[in-house]
N, C-alpha and C. Protein backbone atom coordinates (compact mmCIF):
# COMPACT_ATOMS: atom_id res chain seq x y z
N SER A 1 -3.20 7.60 -15.25
CA SER A 1 -4.54 8.19 -14.94
C SER A 1 -5.65 8.57 -15.41
N LEU A 2 -6.79 9.10 -15.19
CA LEU A 2 -7.84 9.29 -15.14
C LEU A 2 -8.19 10.11 -16.12
N LYS A 3 -7.67 10.21 -16.70
CA LYS A 3 -7.48 10.55 -18.63
C LYS A 3 -8.63 10.30 -19.79
N PRO A 4 -9.25 10.89 -20.08
CA PRO A 4 -10.24 10.06 -21.71
C PRO A 4 -9.91 9.49 -22.81
N ASP A 5 -9.76 8.77 -23.27
CA ASP A 5 -9.68 7.78 -24.27
C ASP A 5 -8.15 7.21 -23.47
N ASN A 6 -7.92 6.54 -22.73
CA ASN A 6 -6.99 6.58 -22.24
C ASN A 6 -7.27 4.34 -21.20
N LYS A 7 -7.79 4.34 -22.76
CA LYS A 7 -8.46 2.79 -22.48
C LYS A 7 -6.73 1.63 -22.32
N ASP A 8 -5.94 1.90 -22.96
CA ASP A 8 -5.24 0.65 -23.11
C ASP A 8 -4.76 0.41 -21.55
N TRP A 9 -4.61 1.66 -21.22
CA TRP A 9 -3.27 2.03 -20.19
C TRP A 9 -4.13 1.39 -18.52
N LEU A 10 -5.81 1.49 -18.75
CA LEU A 10 -6.80 1.49 -17.50
C LEU A 10 -6.90 -0.57 -17.65
N THR A 11 -6.93 -0.40 -18.89
CA THR A 11 -6.92 -2.00 -19.45
C THR A 11 -5.51 -2.98 -18.38
N ALA A 12 -4.25 -2.35 -19.12
CA ALA A 12 -3.22 -3.06 -17.95
C ALA A 12 -3.27 -3.11 -16.91
N SER A 13 -3.64 -1.71 -16.71
CA SER A 13 -3.17 -1.64 -14.58
C SER A 13 -4.86 -2.53 -14.27
N PHE A 14 -5.65 -2.90 -14.85
CA PHE A 14 -6.54 -3.65 -13.94
C PHE A 14 -5.71 -5.30 -14.01
N VAL A 15 -4.84 -4.99 -15.55
CA VAL A 15 -4.26 -6.58 -15.17
C VAL A 15 -3.66 -7.11 -14.58
N ILE A 16 -3.29 -5.79 -14.71
CA ILE A 16 -2.18 -6.07 -13.29
C ILE A 16 -2.68 -6.49 -11.58
N MET A 17 -3.66 -5.04 -11.42
CA MET A 17 -3.94 -5.48 -10.94
C MET A 17 -5.04 -7.14 -9.97
N GLY A 18 -5.22 -7.22 -10.59
CA GLY A 18 -6.22 -8.27 -11.25
C GLY A 18 -5.02 -9.52 -10.09
N MET A 19 -4.12 -9.61 -11.31
CA MET A 19 -3.10 -10.46 -11.57
C MET A 19 -2.23 -10.71 -9.19
N CYS A 20 -2.48 -9.34 -9.27
CA CYS A 20 -2.09 -8.93 -7.13
C CYS A 20 -3.04 -9.30 -6.91
N MET A 21 -3.82 -9.25 -7.09
CA MET A 21 -4.98 -9.54 -5.40
C MET A 21 -5.58 -10.58 -5.45
N THR A 22 -5.36 -11.01 -6.80
CA THR A 22 -6.32 -12.80 -6.88
C THR A 22 -5.57 -14.16 -6.27
N PRO A 23 -4.10 -14.26 -5.63
CA PRO A 23 -3.60 -14.62 -4.87
C PRO A 23 -3.79 -14.15 -3.59
N THR A 24 -4.38 -13.28 -3.17
CA THR A 24 -3.96 -12.99 -2.29
C THR A 24 -5.42 -12.98 -0.91
N MET A 25 -6.88 -13.77 -2.06
CA MET A 25 -7.39 -13.92 -1.05
C MET A 25 -7.75 -15.31 -0.65
N PRO A 26 -6.85 -16.25 -0.68
CA PRO A 26 -7.06 -17.85 -0.09
C PRO A 26 -5.93 -16.77 1.75
N VAL A 27 -5.28 -16.45 1.35
CA VAL A 27 -4.52 -16.16 2.30
C VAL A 27 -5.24 -14.84 3.24
N THR A 28 -6.09 -14.29 2.83
CA THR A 28 -7.01 -13.12 3.31
C THR A 28 -7.47 -13.71 4.47
N PHE A 29 -8.79 -15.33 3.74
CA PHE A 29 -9.45 -15.68 4.04
C PHE A 29 -9.08 -17.27 4.51
N ALA A 30 -7.76 -16.62 4.23
CA ALA A 30 -7.33 -17.79 5.72
C ALA A 30 -7.20 -16.69 7.06
N CYS A 31 -6.89 -16.15 6.81
CA CYS A 31 -6.00 -15.15 8.43
C CYS A 31 -7.66 -14.84 8.97
N GLY A 32 -8.32 -14.96 8.04
CA GLY A 32 -10.03 -13.75 8.45
C GLY A 32 -10.64 -15.23 9.67
N VAL A 33 -10.54 -16.25 9.03
CA VAL A 33 -10.76 -17.66 9.36
C VAL A 33 -10.17 -18.41 11.52
N GLU A 34 -8.40 -17.87 10.57
CA GLU A 34 -7.71 -17.71 11.73
C GLU A 34 -8.23 -16.40 13.70
N CYS A 35 -8.61 -15.58 13.03
CA CYS A 35 -8.58 -14.75 13.80
C CYS A 35 -10.44 -14.23 14.54
N THR A 36 -11.74 -15.46 13.72
CA THR A 36 -12.22 -15.89 14.04
C THR A 36 -13.26 -17.14 14.91
N TYR A 37 -12.07 -17.35 15.16
CA TYR A 37 -12.62 -19.04 15.70
C TYR A 37 -13.07 -18.69 16.47
N PRO A 38 -13.63 -19.24 17.18
CA PRO A 38 -14.38 -20.76 16.53
C PRO A 38 -15.11 -20.23 16.27
N VAL A 39 -16.10 -19.13 15.85
CA VAL A 39 -17.30 -19.25 14.39
C VAL A 39 -16.28 -19.95 13.09
N ASP A 40 -17.93 -20.53 12.25
CA ASP A 40 -17.49 -21.13 10.70
C ASP A 40 -16.70 -20.63 10.15
N GLU A 41 -16.07 -21.20 9.41
CA GLU A 41 -15.19 -20.39 8.56
C GLU A 41 -15.92 -19.91 7.89
N GLU A 42 -17.60 -20.23 6.76
CA GLU A 42 -18.40 -20.18 5.98
C GLU A 42 -18.83 -18.40 6.43
N ILE A 43 -18.56 -18.79 7.63
CA ILE A 43 -19.56 -16.82 8.44
C ILE A 43 -18.42 -16.09 8.24
N SER A 44 -17.77 -16.18 8.47
CA SER A 44 -16.64 -15.27 8.40
C SER A 44 -15.64 -15.40 6.99
N THR A 45 -15.71 -16.18 6.13
CA THR A 45 -15.44 -16.14 4.68
C THR A 45 -16.69 -15.05 3.26
N GLY A 46 -17.92 -15.01 4.40
CA GLY A 46 -18.49 -14.49 3.60
C GLY A 46 -19.03 -13.17 4.59
N LEU A 47 -18.40 -13.36 5.16
CA LEU A 47 -18.75 -11.80 5.72
C LEU A 47 -17.31 -10.46 5.10
N LEU A 48 -16.49 -11.45 5.15
CA LEU A 48 -15.21 -10.38 4.45
C LEU A 48 -15.87 -10.67 2.80
N MET A 49 -16.15 -11.34 2.13
CA MET A 49 -16.76 -11.32 0.99
C MET A 49 -17.60 -10.17 0.55
N SER A 50 -19.10 -10.21 1.75
CA SER A 50 -19.71 -9.16 1.70
C SER A 50 -19.14 -7.39 1.66
N SER A 51 -18.27 -8.10 2.56
CA SER A 51 -17.84 -6.02 2.81
C SER A 51 -16.91 -5.31 2.19
N GLY A 52 -16.19 -6.40 1.36
CA GLY A 52 -15.36 -6.75 -0.01
C GLY A 52 -16.01 -5.77 -0.72
N ASN A 53 -17.43 -6.64 -1.44
CA ASN A 53 -18.75 -6.09 -2.19
C ASN A 53 -19.46 -4.55 -1.78
N PHE A 54 -20.17 -4.75 -0.38
CA PHE A 54 -20.07 -3.34 -0.23
C PHE A 54 -18.91 -2.33 -0.22
N THR A 55 -17.66 -2.52 0.30
CA THR A 55 -16.94 -1.46 0.39
C THR A 55 -16.92 -0.74 -1.90
N GLY A 56 -15.89 -1.75 -2.19
CA GLY A 56 -16.14 -1.26 -3.54
C GLY A 56 -17.69 -1.35 -4.49
N ILE A 57 -18.52 -1.28 -4.32
CA ILE A 57 -20.02 -0.97 -4.98
C ILE A 57 -20.33 0.63 -3.96
N ALA A 58 -19.58 0.86 -3.10
CA ALA A 58 -19.28 2.34 -2.19
C ALA A 58 -18.64 2.98 -3.17
N MET A 59 -17.43 2.44 -3.09
CA MET A 59 -16.08 3.24 -3.83
C MET A 59 -16.25 3.42 -5.68
N ILE A 60 -16.96 2.58 -6.11
CA ILE A 60 -17.43 3.11 -7.18
C ILE A 60 -18.75 4.15 -7.32
N PHE A 61 -19.50 4.33 -6.70
CA PHE A 61 -20.48 5.38 -6.29
C PHE A 61 -20.46 6.39 -6.15
N GLY A 62 -18.82 6.33 -5.47
CA GLY A 62 -18.32 7.49 -4.31
C GLY A 62 -17.21 8.58 -5.84
N LEU A 63 -16.79 7.55 -6.51
CA LEU A 63 -15.69 7.75 -7.67
C LEU A 63 -16.10 8.41 -9.29
N ASP A 64 -17.38 7.19 -9.53
CA ASP A 64 -18.36 8.35 -10.55
C ASP A 64 -19.46 9.36 -10.36
N ALA A 65 -18.81 9.84 -8.77
CA ALA A 65 -19.46 11.78 -8.43
C ALA A 65 -18.48 12.40 -8.65
N LEU A 66 -17.70 11.63 -8.49
CA LEU A 66 -16.40 12.54 -8.21
C LEU A 66 -15.46 13.03 -9.45
N ILE A 67 -16.29 12.04 -10.06
CA ILE A 67 -14.95 11.91 -11.63
C ILE A 67 -16.56 12.88 -12.51
N THR A 68 -17.61 12.58 -12.49
CA THR A 68 -18.90 13.25 -12.95
C THR A 68 -18.64 14.85 -12.96
N ALA A 69 -18.77 15.14 -11.62
CA ALA A 69 -18.59 16.30 -10.51
C ALA A 69 -16.56 17.36 -11.58
N HIS A 70 -16.31 16.30 -11.66
CA HIS A 70 -14.91 17.26 -12.21
C HIS A 70 -14.28 16.41 -13.26
N PRO A 71 -15.58 17.03 -14.44
CA PRO A 71 -14.58 16.29 -15.64
C PRO A 71 -13.36 16.53 -16.29
N HIS A 72 -12.64 17.62 -16.05
CA HIS A 72 -11.65 18.42 -16.81
C HIS A 72 -10.31 18.08 -15.57
N PHE A 73 -9.23 17.56 -16.28
CA PHE A 73 -8.24 16.30 -16.11
C PHE A 73 -7.25 16.74 -16.68
N THR A 74 -6.61 18.30 -15.63
CA THR A 74 -5.56 18.48 -15.67
C THR A 74 -4.59 18.26 -15.68
N THR A 75 -4.43 17.53 -14.22
CA THR A 75 -2.94 16.57 -13.83
C THR A 75 -3.48 15.16 -13.16
N ILE A 76 -2.70 14.50 -12.66
CA ILE A 76 -3.39 13.42 -12.17
C ILE A 76 -4.10 13.40 -10.92
N TRP A 77 -4.05 14.95 -10.01
CA TRP A 77 -4.10 15.15 -8.67
C TRP A 77 -5.32 15.78 -8.58
N ASN A 78 -7.09 15.06 -9.10
CA ASN A 78 -7.62 15.08 -9.12
C ASN A 78 -9.03 14.95 -7.53
N PRO A 79 -10.08 15.05 -7.03
CA PRO A 79 -10.98 14.47 -6.39
C PRO A 79 -10.74 13.62 -6.31
N ALA A 80 -10.88 12.14 -7.52
CA ALA A 80 -11.19 11.33 -7.90
C ALA A 80 -9.59 10.23 -7.08
N SER A 81 -8.82 10.23 -8.23
CA SER A 81 -7.46 9.55 -7.22
C SER A 81 -7.14 10.57 -6.03
N LEU A 82 -7.64 11.47 -5.67
CA LEU A 82 -7.19 11.79 -4.05
C LEU A 82 -8.31 10.94 -2.84
N LEU A 83 -9.12 10.75 -3.03
CA LEU A 83 -10.32 10.02 -2.43
C LEU A 83 -9.85 8.04 -2.65
N PHE A 84 -8.95 7.58 -3.68
CA PHE A 84 -8.76 6.77 -3.90
C PHE A 84 -7.32 5.97 -3.46
N ILE A 85 -6.21 7.53 -3.33
CA ILE A 85 -5.70 7.02 -2.26
C ILE A 85 -5.48 7.49 -0.89
N GLY A 86 -6.64 8.13 -1.08
CA GLY A 86 -6.73 8.70 0.63
C GLY A 86 -7.40 7.28 1.11
N THR A 87 -8.04 6.68 1.29
CA THR A 87 -8.48 5.47 1.40
C THR A 87 -7.68 4.25 1.03
N LEU A 88 -6.35 4.03 0.13
CA LEU A 88 -5.77 3.10 -0.12
C LEU A 88 -4.29 3.02 0.96
N ILE A 89 -3.85 3.91 0.99
CA ILE A 89 -3.00 4.94 2.02
C ILE A 89 -3.20 4.33 3.57
N PRO A 90 -4.19 4.28 4.62
CA PRO A 90 -4.32 4.36 5.91
C PRO A 90 -4.79 2.24 5.60
N ALA A 91 -5.24 1.89 4.04
CA ALA A 91 -5.86 0.37 4.56
C ALA A 91 -4.62 -0.39 4.54
N LEU A 92 -3.18 0.33 3.60
CA LEU A 92 -1.56 -0.68 3.92
C LEU A 92 -1.21 -0.68 4.50
N ILE A 93 -1.03 0.65 5.98
CA ILE A 93 -0.86 0.55 6.70
C ILE A 93 -1.52 -0.24 8.21
N ILE A 94 -2.26 0.07 7.87
CA ILE A 94 -3.07 -1.27 9.02
C ILE A 94 -2.42 -2.70 8.23
N VAL A 95 -3.05 -2.85 7.80
CA VAL A 95 -2.54 -4.22 6.77
C VAL A 95 -0.85 -4.66 7.39
N GLN A 96 -0.05 -3.31 7.28
CA GLN A 96 0.93 -4.04 7.30
C GLN A 96 1.72 -4.53 9.12
N PHE A 97 0.99 -3.36 9.87
CA PHE A 97 0.98 -3.55 11.10
C PHE A 97 0.25 -4.20 10.98
N TYR A 98 -1.35 -5.36 11.11
CA TYR A 98 -1.73 -6.46 11.85
C TYR A 98 -1.75 -7.34 11.40
N ARG A 99 -1.21 -8.16 13.35
CA ARG A 99 -1.03 -8.92 13.89
C ARG A 99 -2.01 -9.34 14.57
N GLY A 100 -2.58 -10.50 14.45
CA GLY A 100 -3.92 -10.63 14.84
C GLY A 100 -3.18 -12.09 15.24
N PRO A 101 -4.33 -12.75 16.01
CA PRO A 101 -3.89 -13.28 16.94
C PRO A 101 -5.24 -15.07 16.36
N TYR A 102 -4.05 -16.12 16.05
CA TYR A 102 -4.02 -17.48 16.49
C TYR A 102 -5.18 -18.37 16.52
N LYS A 103 -6.12 -17.86 16.52
CA LYS A 103 -6.98 -18.89 17.88
C LYS A 103 -7.80 -20.24 17.26
N ARG A 104 -7.08 -20.09 16.12
CA ARG A 104 -8.01 -21.55 15.97
C ARG A 104 -6.27 -22.51 15.71
N LEU A 105 -5.32 -21.63 15.32
CA LEU A 105 -4.08 -22.40 15.59
C LEU A 105 -4.29 -23.01 17.34
N ASP A 106 -4.17 -21.71 18.05
CA ASP A 106 -3.32 -22.27 19.68
C ASP A 106 -4.69 -22.79 20.03
N ALA A 107 -6.18 -23.09 19.05
CA ALA A 107 -7.25 -24.13 20.34
C ALA A 107 -6.71 -25.56 20.02
N GLU A 108 -6.24 -25.61 18.11
CA GLU A 108 -5.23 -27.00 18.17
C GLU A 108 -4.18 -27.25 19.12
N ARG A 109 -3.43 -26.22 19.30
CA ARG A 109 -2.04 -27.03 20.23
C ARG A 109 -2.58 -27.43 21.15
N ALA A 110 -3.64 -26.51 21.15
CA ALA A 110 -3.55 -26.66 23.41
C ALA A 110 -4.86 -28.30 23.28
N HIS A 111 -5.69 -29.31 22.30
CA HIS A 111 -6.27 -30.04 22.35
C HIS A 111 -5.34 -31.48 22.23
N MET A 112 -3.58 -30.97 21.23
CA MET A 112 -2.92 -32.23 21.16
C MET A 112 -1.99 -32.08 22.27
N ASN A 113 -2.18 -30.95 22.75
CA ASN A 113 -1.42 -30.97 24.21
C ASN A 113 -1.92 -31.59 25.51
N LYS A 114 -2.72 -31.98 25.55
CA LYS A 114 -4.09 -32.32 26.10
C LYS A 114 -4.82 -33.57 25.60
N GLY A 115 -4.13 -33.84 24.70
CA GLY A 115 -4.36 -34.93 24.25
C GLY A 115 -2.44 -36.25 24.73
N LEU A 116 -1.55 -35.69 24.63
CA LEU A 116 -0.06 -36.02 24.99
C LEU A 116 -0.44 -35.74 26.58
N ILE A 117 -0.72 -34.66 27.01
CA ILE A 117 -1.15 -34.96 29.06
C ILE A 117 -2.12 -36.24 29.14
N ASP A 118 -3.54 -36.17 28.75
CA ASP A 118 -4.25 -37.51 28.58
C ASP A 118 -3.45 -39.57 28.26
N GLY A 119 -2.45 -39.48 27.14
CA GLY A 119 -2.25 -40.66 26.75
C GLY A 119 -3.07 -40.63 26.32
N VAL A 120 -3.41 -40.15 24.79
CA VAL A 120 -4.23 -40.81 24.12
C VAL A 120 -3.54 -40.51 22.54
């Protein structure tokens, strides 16, 4: 919870979050590249990184403003945690139901089928 002098739990939560989120980066980049084909891989990956950075910056300023405006922590349900949960739950729902097209894989299959038909 967001409480003063709670450094150990906060550090542990960031370590666990980093251990869980870092392995998903290559999968996210691969999915982004697949869904944005024929756009270059560098462009789609750069846009994913930039949008993640901009979102992170906005969340830092938003959470800082909410924590500063409500400095007393009587329960875990304060405006900062509500903002965090309010953005996390819709994002998780969107990710669970997203079934993007595999444009690059489809293009490679079409190219392979064309080669087999032409005898190349």
